[in-house]
């Protein structure tokens, strides 16, 4: 059974906006120019209209002197948390019977 998490998923754009842009007084345009992407890419990310691509993650990591993994993991965890937050999907997943795997069942 999949666990439901009470907290809403944290979008990478929310993290970028609240933890970087606001405290450092950065605009979407300034970040976009610095990392060589269209301003609309950062605007859509910050408005949580789009996910974070690996390309943008690598660019943000370089700009903020961080690891790519930080940004990529934010996106990955956001997507996983969205699965858990979707009650209909959770019910659907719970109905799936796992494939019997004697090679793995013995180890458990």
C-alpha atoms as a PDB file:
ATOM      1  CA  UNK A   1       0.000   0.000   0.000  1.00  0.00           C
ATOM      2  CA  UNK A   2       1.308   3.452  -0.931  1.00  0.00           C
ATOM      3  CA  UNK A   3       1.525   6.019   1.853  1.00  0.00           C
ATOM      4  CA  UNK A   4      -0.208   9.367   1.476  1.00  0.00           C
ATOM      5  CA  UNK A   5       1.805  12.380   2.587  1.00  0.00           C
ATOM      6  CA  UNK A   6      -0.179  15.227   4.152  1.00  0.00           C
ATOM      7  CA  UNK A   7       2.223  17.946   3.008  1.00  0.00           C
ATOM      8  CA  UNK A   8       1.792  19.188  -0.540  1.00  0.00           C
ATOM      9  CA  UNK A   9       4.646  18.432  -2.929  1.00  0.00           C
ATOM     10  CA  UNK A  10       7.321  21.147  -3.181  1.00  0.00           C
ATOM     11  CA  UNK A  11       7.893  22.197  -6.779  1.00  0.00           C
ATOM     12  CA  UNK A  12      11.473  23.112  -7.764  1.00  0.00           C
ATOM     13  CA  UNK A  13      10.140  26.476  -8.934  1.00  0.00           C
ATOM     14  CA  UNK A  14       8.871  27.209  -5.429  1.00  0.00           C
ATOM     15  CA  UNK A  15      12.313  26.433  -4.049  1.00  0.00           C
ATOM     16  CA  UNK A  16      13.991  28.633  -6.660  1.00  0.00           C
ATOM     17  CA  UNK A  17      11.580  31.494  -5.936  1.00  0.00           C
ATOM     18  CA  UNK A  18      11.504  31.391  -2.135  1.00  0.00           C
ATOM     19  CA  UNK A  19      15.031  30.258  -1.280  1.00  0.00           C
ATOM     20  CA  UNK A  20      17.047  31.966  -4.004  1.00  0.00           C
ATOM     21  CA  UNK A  21      15.221  34.656  -5.960  1.00  0.00           C
ATOM     22  CA  UNK A  22      13.449  36.437  -3.121  1.00  0.00           C
ATOM     23  CA  UNK A  23      16.341  36.525  -0.611  1.00  0.00           C
ATOM     24  CA  UNK A  24      18.903  37.431  -3.292  1.00  0.00           C
ATOM     25  CA  UNK A  25      16.513  39.833  -5.052  1.00  0.00           C
ATOM     26  CA  UNK A  26      16.959  38.060  -8.378  1.00  0.00           C
ATOM     27  CA  UNK A  27      14.537  38.294 -11.274  1.00  0.00           C
ATOM     28  CA  UNK A  28      13.679  35.620 -13.815  1.00  0.00           C
ATOM     29  CA  UNK A  29      15.310  37.765 -16.467  1.00  0.00           C
ATOM     30  CA  UNK A  30      18.568  38.119 -14.561  1.00  0.00           C
ATOM     31  CA  UNK A  31      18.807  34.371 -13.906  1.00  0.00           C
ATOM     32  CA  UNK A  32      17.875  33.545 -17.501  1.00  0.00           C
ATOM     33  CA  UNK A  33      20.554  35.862 -18.909  1.00  0.00           C
ATOM     34  CA  UNK A  34      23.164  34.505 -16.506  1.00  0.00           C
ATOM     35  CA  UNK A  35      22.489  30.858 -17.361  1.00  0.00           C
ATOM     36  CA  UNK A  36      21.756  31.329 -21.068  1.00  0.00           C
ATOM     37  CA  UNK A  37      18.114  30.272 -21.288  1.00  0.00           C
ATOM     38  CA  UNK A  38      14.943  32.079 -22.371  1.00  0.00           C
ATOM     39  CA  UNK A  39      13.425  34.246 -19.647  1.00  0.00           C
ATOM     40  CA  UNK A  40      10.101  32.452 -20.155  1.00  0.00           C
ATOM     41  CA  UNK A  41      11.707  29.151 -19.091  1.00  0.00           C
ATOM     42  CA  UNK A  42      12.533  30.584 -15.665  1.00  0.00           C
ATOM     43  CA  UNK A  43       9.196  32.409 -15.413  1.00  0.00           C
ATOM     44  CA  UNK A  44       7.239  29.212 -16.142  1.00  0.00           C
ATOM     45  CA  UNK A  45       9.378  27.244 -13.701  1.00  0.00           C
ATOM     46  CA  UNK A  46       8.877  29.811 -10.928  1.00  0.00           C
ATOM     47  CA  UNK A  47       5.110  29.876 -11.593  1.00  0.00           C
ATOM     48  CA  UNK A  48       5.222  26.060 -11.304  1.00  0.00           C
ATOM     49  CA  UNK A  49       3.801  25.646 -14.797  1.00  0.00           C
ATOM     50  CA  UNK A  50       6.635  23.399 -15.959  1.00  0.00           C
ATOM     51  CA  UNK A  51       9.066  20.947 -14.495  1.00  0.00           C
ATOM     52  CA  UNK A  52      12.791  21.390 -14.146  1.00  0.00           C
ATOM     53  CA  UNK A  53      14.793  19.889 -17.008  1.00  0.00           C
ATOM     54  CA  UNK A  54      18.232  18.392 -16.472  1.00  0.00           C
ATOM     55  CA  UNK A  55      19.628  21.143 -18.698  1.00  0.00           C
ATOM     56  CA  UNK A  56      18.190  23.882 -16.500  1.00  0.00           C
ATOM     57  CA  UNK A  57      19.183  21.975 -13.356  1.00  0.00           C
ATOM     58  CA  UNK A  58      22.812  21.876 -14.511  1.00  0.00           C
ATOM     59  CA  UNK A  59      22.748  25.576 -15.356  1.00  0.00           C
ATOM     60  CA  UNK A  60      21.194  26.565 -12.009  1.00  0.00           C
ATOM     61  CA  UNK A  61      23.699  24.372 -10.191  1.00  0.00           C
ATOM     62  CA  UNK A  62      26.590  26.141 -11.894  1.00  0.00           C
ATOM     63  CA  UNK A  63      25.110  29.597 -11.284  1.00  0.00           C
ATOM     64  CA  UNK A  64      24.402  29.012  -7.582  1.00  0.00           C
ATOM     65  CA  UNK A  65      27.598  26.949  -7.025  1.00  0.00           C
ATOM     66  CA  UNK A  66      25.668  23.807  -6.103  1.00  0.00           C
ATOM     67  CA  UNK A  67      25.484  20.229  -7.290  1.00  0.00           C
ATOM     68  CA  UNK A  68      23.262  19.253 -10.190  1.00  0.00           C
ATOM     69  CA  UNK A  69      21.901  16.550  -7.923  1.00  0.00           C
ATOM     70  CA  UNK A  70      20.303  19.121  -5.627  1.00  0.00           C
ATOM     71  CA  UNK A  71      18.098  20.461  -8.416  1.00  0.00           C
ATOM     72  CA  UNK A  72      17.495  17.110 -10.122  1.00  0.00           C
ATOM     73  CA  UNK A  73      16.493  15.540  -6.803  1.00  0.00           C
ATOM     74  CA  UNK A  74      14.032  18.371  -6.157  1.00  0.00           C
ATOM     75  CA  UNK A  75      12.283  17.538  -9.420  1.00  0.00           C
ATOM     76  CA  UNK A  76      12.425  13.796  -8.788  1.00  0.00           C
ATOM     77  CA  UNK A  77      11.001  14.119  -5.264  1.00  0.00           C
ATOM     78  CA  UNK A  78       8.323  16.512  -6.501  1.00  0.00           C
ATOM     79  CA  UNK A  79       7.167  14.001  -9.097  1.00  0.00           C
ATOM     80  CA  UNK A  80       7.178  11.115  -6.603  1.00  0.00           C
ATOM     81  CA  UNK A  81       5.280  13.201  -4.039  1.00  0.00           C
ATOM     82  CA  UNK A  82       2.698  14.072  -6.710  1.00  0.00           C
ATOM     83  CA  UNK A  83       2.073  10.355  -7.215  1.00  0.00           C
ATOM     84  CA  UNK A  84       1.436   9.932  -3.489  1.00  0.00           C
ATOM     85  CA  UNK A  85      -0.786  13.017  -3.357  1.00  0.00           C
ATOM     86  CA  UNK A  86      -3.001  11.752  -6.179  1.00  0.00           C
ATOM     87  CA  UNK A  87      -5.590   9.640  -4.352  1.00  0.00           C
ATOM     88  CA  UNK A  88      -7.093   8.205  -7.535  1.00  0.00           C
ATOM     89  CA  UNK A  89      -3.677   7.127  -8.793  1.00  0.00           C
ATOM     90  CA  UNK A  90      -2.818   5.687  -5.376  1.00  0.00           C
ATOM     91  CA  UNK A  91      -6.001   3.563  -5.424  1.00  0.00           C
ATOM     92  CA  UNK A  92      -5.165   2.452  -8.945  1.00  0.00           C
ATOM     93  CA  UNK A  93      -1.620   1.482  -7.966  1.00  0.00           C
ATOM     94  CA  UNK A  94      -2.833  -0.355  -4.872  1.00  0.00           C
ATOM     95  CA  UNK A  95      -5.010  -2.548  -7.123  1.00  0.00           C
ATOM     96  CA  UNK A  96      -1.983  -3.789  -9.078  1.00  0.00           C
ATOM     97  CA  UNK A  97      -0.836  -7.231  -8.014  1.00  0.00           C
ATOM     98  CA  UNK A  98       2.968  -7.452  -8.027  1.00  0.00           C
ATOM     99  CA  UNK A  99       4.526 -10.000 -10.329  1.00  0.00           C
ATOM    100  CA  UNK A 100       5.632 -13.046  -8.327  1.00  0.00           C
ATOM    101  CA  UNK A 101       9.426 -13.093  -8.152  1.00  0.00           C
ATOM    102  CA  UNK A 102      10.675 -16.174  -6.295  1.00  0.00           C
ATOM    103  CA  UNK A 103      14.246 -14.956  -6.689  1.00  0.00           C
ATOM    104  CA  UNK A 104      13.394 -11.807  -4.721  1.00  0.00           C
ATOM    105  CA  UNK A 105      10.740 -13.266  -2.405  1.00  0.00           C
ATOM    106  CA  UNK A 106      13.261 -15.716  -0.914  1.00  0.00           C
ATOM    107  CA  UNK A 107      15.598 -12.860   0.100  1.00  0.00           C
ATOM    108  CA  UNK A 108      12.830 -11.121   2.035  1.00  0.00           C
END
